[in-house]
């Protein structure tokens, strides 16, 4: 992941952490349950968007870029079948 993409992802993570902290404060303040549930839905949506961004980045750098020396430093050498199996695992975990 390049520097700009990393900053964008980190910004999203920080925003999500703030939303979760907000839910904690809402619980401590004994806020209305529906308001808390609304915030939980917002966090879920933010996490989904983050996951899509990370999956897209992974596909660009580690799958499409595989073998071009542009993949992530942690990417290990794999055959196309192994790459496909890894994507299937990643997608199944993300979509649960």
C-alpha atoms as a PDB file:
ATOM      1  CA  UNK A   1       0.000   0.000   0.000  1.00  0.00           C
ATOM      2  CA  UNK A   2       1.480   3.347  -0.968  1.00  0.00           C
ATOM      3  CA  UNK A   3       1.870   6.253   1.451  1.00  0.00           C
ATOM      4  CA  UNK A   4      -1.247   8.129   0.333  1.00  0.00           C
ATOM      5  CA  UNK A   5      -3.443   5.016   0.536  1.00  0.00           C
ATOM      6  CA  UNK A   6      -1.985   4.186   3.957  1.00  0.00           C
ATOM      7  CA  UNK A   7      -2.848   7.693   5.238  1.00  0.00           C
ATOM      8  CA  UNK A   8      -6.394   7.325   3.919  1.00  0.00           C
ATOM      9  CA  UNK A   9      -6.837   3.935   5.592  1.00  0.00           C
ATOM     10  CA  UNK A  10      -5.344   5.186   8.864  1.00  0.00           C
ATOM     11  CA  UNK A  11      -7.705   8.158   8.780  1.00  0.00           C
ATOM     12  CA  UNK A  12     -10.671   5.790   8.350  1.00  0.00           C
ATOM     13  CA  UNK A  13      -9.452   3.607  11.228  1.00  0.00           C
ATOM     14  CA  UNK A  14      -9.096   6.659  13.474  1.00  0.00           C
ATOM     15  CA  UNK A  15     -12.609   7.794  12.554  1.00  0.00           C
ATOM     16  CA  UNK A  16     -14.002   4.329  13.328  1.00  0.00           C
ATOM     17  CA  UNK A  17     -12.173   4.273  16.673  1.00  0.00           C
ATOM     18  CA  UNK A  18     -13.778   7.625  17.463  1.00  0.00           C
ATOM     19  CA  UNK A  19     -17.203   6.255  16.561  1.00  0.00           C
ATOM     20  CA  UNK A  20     -16.694   3.249  18.843  1.00  0.00           C
ATOM     21  CA  UNK A  21     -15.570   5.539  21.670  1.00  0.00           C
ATOM     22  CA  UNK A  22     -18.722   7.564  21.028  1.00  0.00           C
ATOM     23  CA  UNK A  23     -20.839   4.445  21.461  1.00  0.00           C
ATOM     24  CA  UNK A  24     -19.093   3.753  24.760  1.00  0.00           C
ATOM     25  CA  UNK A  25     -19.872   7.294  25.934  1.00  0.00           C
ATOM     26  CA  UNK A  26     -23.489   6.914  24.828  1.00  0.00           C
ATOM     27  CA  UNK A  27     -23.777   3.753  26.926  1.00  0.00           C
ATOM     28  CA  UNK A  28     -22.169   5.442  29.919  1.00  0.00           C
ATOM     29  CA  UNK A  29     -24.565   8.389  29.522  1.00  0.00           C
ATOM     30  CA  UNK A  30     -27.527   5.977  29.356  1.00  0.00           C
ATOM     31  CA  UNK A  31     -28.580   7.303  25.953  1.00  0.00           C
ATOM     32  CA  UNK A  32     -31.659   6.089  24.110  1.00  0.00           C
ATOM     33  CA  UNK A  33     -31.177   2.554  22.734  1.00  0.00           C
ATOM     34  CA  UNK A  34     -32.286   3.435  19.210  1.00  0.00           C
ATOM     35  CA  UNK A  35     -29.672   6.200  19.039  1.00  0.00           C
ATOM     36  CA  UNK A  36     -26.979   3.728  20.117  1.00  0.00           C
ATOM     37  CA  UNK A  37     -28.158   1.193  17.546  1.00  0.00           C
ATOM     38  CA  UNK A  38     -27.970   3.881  14.873  1.00  0.00           C
ATOM     39  CA  UNK A  39     -24.347   4.535  15.826  1.00  0.00           C
ATOM     40  CA  UNK A  40     -23.586   0.813  15.758  1.00  0.00           C
ATOM     41  CA  UNK A  41     -24.991   0.660  12.221  1.00  0.00           C
ATOM     42  CA  UNK A  42     -22.761   3.588  11.238  1.00  0.00           C
ATOM     43  CA  UNK A  43     -19.683   1.782  12.605  1.00  0.00           C
ATOM     44  CA  UNK A  44     -20.609  -1.389  10.719  1.00  0.00           C
ATOM     45  CA  UNK A  45     -20.958   0.604   7.522  1.00  0.00           C
ATOM     46  CA  UNK A  46     -17.598   2.294   8.104  1.00  0.00           C
ATOM     47  CA  UNK A  47     -15.933  -1.081   8.740  1.00  0.00           C
ATOM     48  CA  UNK A  48     -17.454  -2.488   5.549  1.00  0.00           C
ATOM     49  CA  UNK A  49     -16.116   0.471   3.550  1.00  0.00           C
ATOM     50  CA  UNK A  50     -12.685  -0.008   5.111  1.00  0.00           C
ATOM     51  CA  UNK A  51     -12.764  -3.708   4.238  1.00  0.00           C
ATOM     52  CA  UNK A  52     -13.678  -2.983   0.622  1.00  0.00           C
ATOM     53  CA  UNK A  53     -10.840  -0.471   0.398  1.00  0.00           C
ATOM     54  CA  UNK A  54      -8.342  -2.982   1.813  1.00  0.00           C
ATOM     55  CA  UNK A  55      -9.585  -5.777  -0.453  1.00  0.00           C
ATOM     56  CA  UNK A  56      -9.287  -3.488  -3.472  1.00  0.00           C
ATOM     57  CA  UNK A  57      -5.780  -2.483  -2.464  1.00  0.00           C
ATOM     58  CA  UNK A  58      -4.838  -6.127  -1.974  1.00  0.00           C
ATOM     59  CA  UNK A  59      -6.162  -7.062  -5.398  1.00  0.00           C
ATOM     60  CA  UNK A  60      -4.262  -4.200  -7.058  1.00  0.00           C
ATOM     61  CA  UNK A  61      -0.949  -4.692  -5.327  1.00  0.00           C
ATOM     62  CA  UNK A  62      -0.769  -8.363  -4.395  1.00  0.00           C
ATOM     63  CA  UNK A  63      -2.932 -10.114  -6.980  1.00  0.00           C
ATOM     64  CA  UNK A  64      -2.774  -8.031 -10.164  1.00  0.00           C
ATOM     65  CA  UNK A  65       0.706  -6.797  -9.291  1.00  0.00           C
ATOM     66  CA  UNK A  66       1.919 -10.262  -8.283  1.00  0.00           C
ATOM     67  CA  UNK A  67       5.332 -10.974  -9.710  1.00  0.00           C
ATOM     68  CA  UNK A  68       5.854  -7.393 -10.925  1.00  0.00           C
ATOM     69  CA  UNK A  69       7.853  -6.366  -7.859  1.00  0.00           C
ATOM     70  CA  UNK A  70       5.088  -3.885  -6.953  1.00  0.00           C
ATOM     71  CA  UNK A  71       3.354  -6.227  -4.524  1.00  0.00           C
ATOM     72  CA  UNK A  72       3.452  -5.744  -0.767  1.00  0.00           C
ATOM     73  CA  UNK A  73       6.767  -6.640   0.859  1.00  0.00           C
ATOM     74  CA  UNK A  74       5.040  -9.368   2.915  1.00  0.00           C
ATOM     75  CA  UNK A  75       3.493 -11.043  -0.147  1.00  0.00           C
ATOM     76  CA  UNK A  76       4.885 -14.511  -0.639  1.00  0.00           C
ATOM     77  CA  UNK A  77       5.450 -16.125  -4.034  1.00  0.00           C
ATOM     78  CA  UNK A  78       2.319 -17.986  -5.152  1.00  0.00           C
ATOM     79  CA  UNK A  79       0.898 -19.664  -8.208  1.00  0.00           C
ATOM     80  CA  UNK A  80      -2.283 -18.292  -9.768  1.00  0.00           C
ATOM     81  CA  UNK A  81      -4.241 -21.084  -8.097  1.00  0.00           C
ATOM     82  CA  UNK A  82      -2.768 -20.181  -4.708  1.00  0.00           C
ATOM     83  CA  UNK A  83      -3.591 -16.501  -5.284  1.00  0.00           C
ATOM     84  CA  UNK A  84      -7.168 -17.415  -6.151  1.00  0.00           C
ATOM     85  CA  UNK A  85      -7.464 -19.612  -3.047  1.00  0.00           C
ATOM     86  CA  UNK A  86      -6.108 -16.779  -0.896  1.00  0.00           C
ATOM     87  CA  UNK A  87      -8.666 -14.351  -2.364  1.00  0.00           C
ATOM     88  CA  UNK A  88     -11.460 -16.842  -1.736  1.00  0.00           C
ATOM     89  CA  UNK A  89     -10.420 -17.144   1.914  1.00  0.00           C
ATOM     90  CA  UNK A  90     -10.117 -13.374   2.286  1.00  0.00           C
ATOM     91  CA  UNK A  91     -13.530 -12.763   0.737  1.00  0.00           C
ATOM     92  CA  UNK A  92     -15.241 -15.489   2.766  1.00  0.00           C
ATOM     93  CA  UNK A  93     -13.822 -14.039   5.988  1.00  0.00           C
ATOM     94  CA  UNK A  94     -14.802 -10.511   5.027  1.00  0.00           C
ATOM     95  CA  UNK A  95     -18.336 -11.418   3.963  1.00  0.00           C
ATOM     96  CA  UNK A  96     -19.251 -13.345   7.149  1.00  0.00           C
END
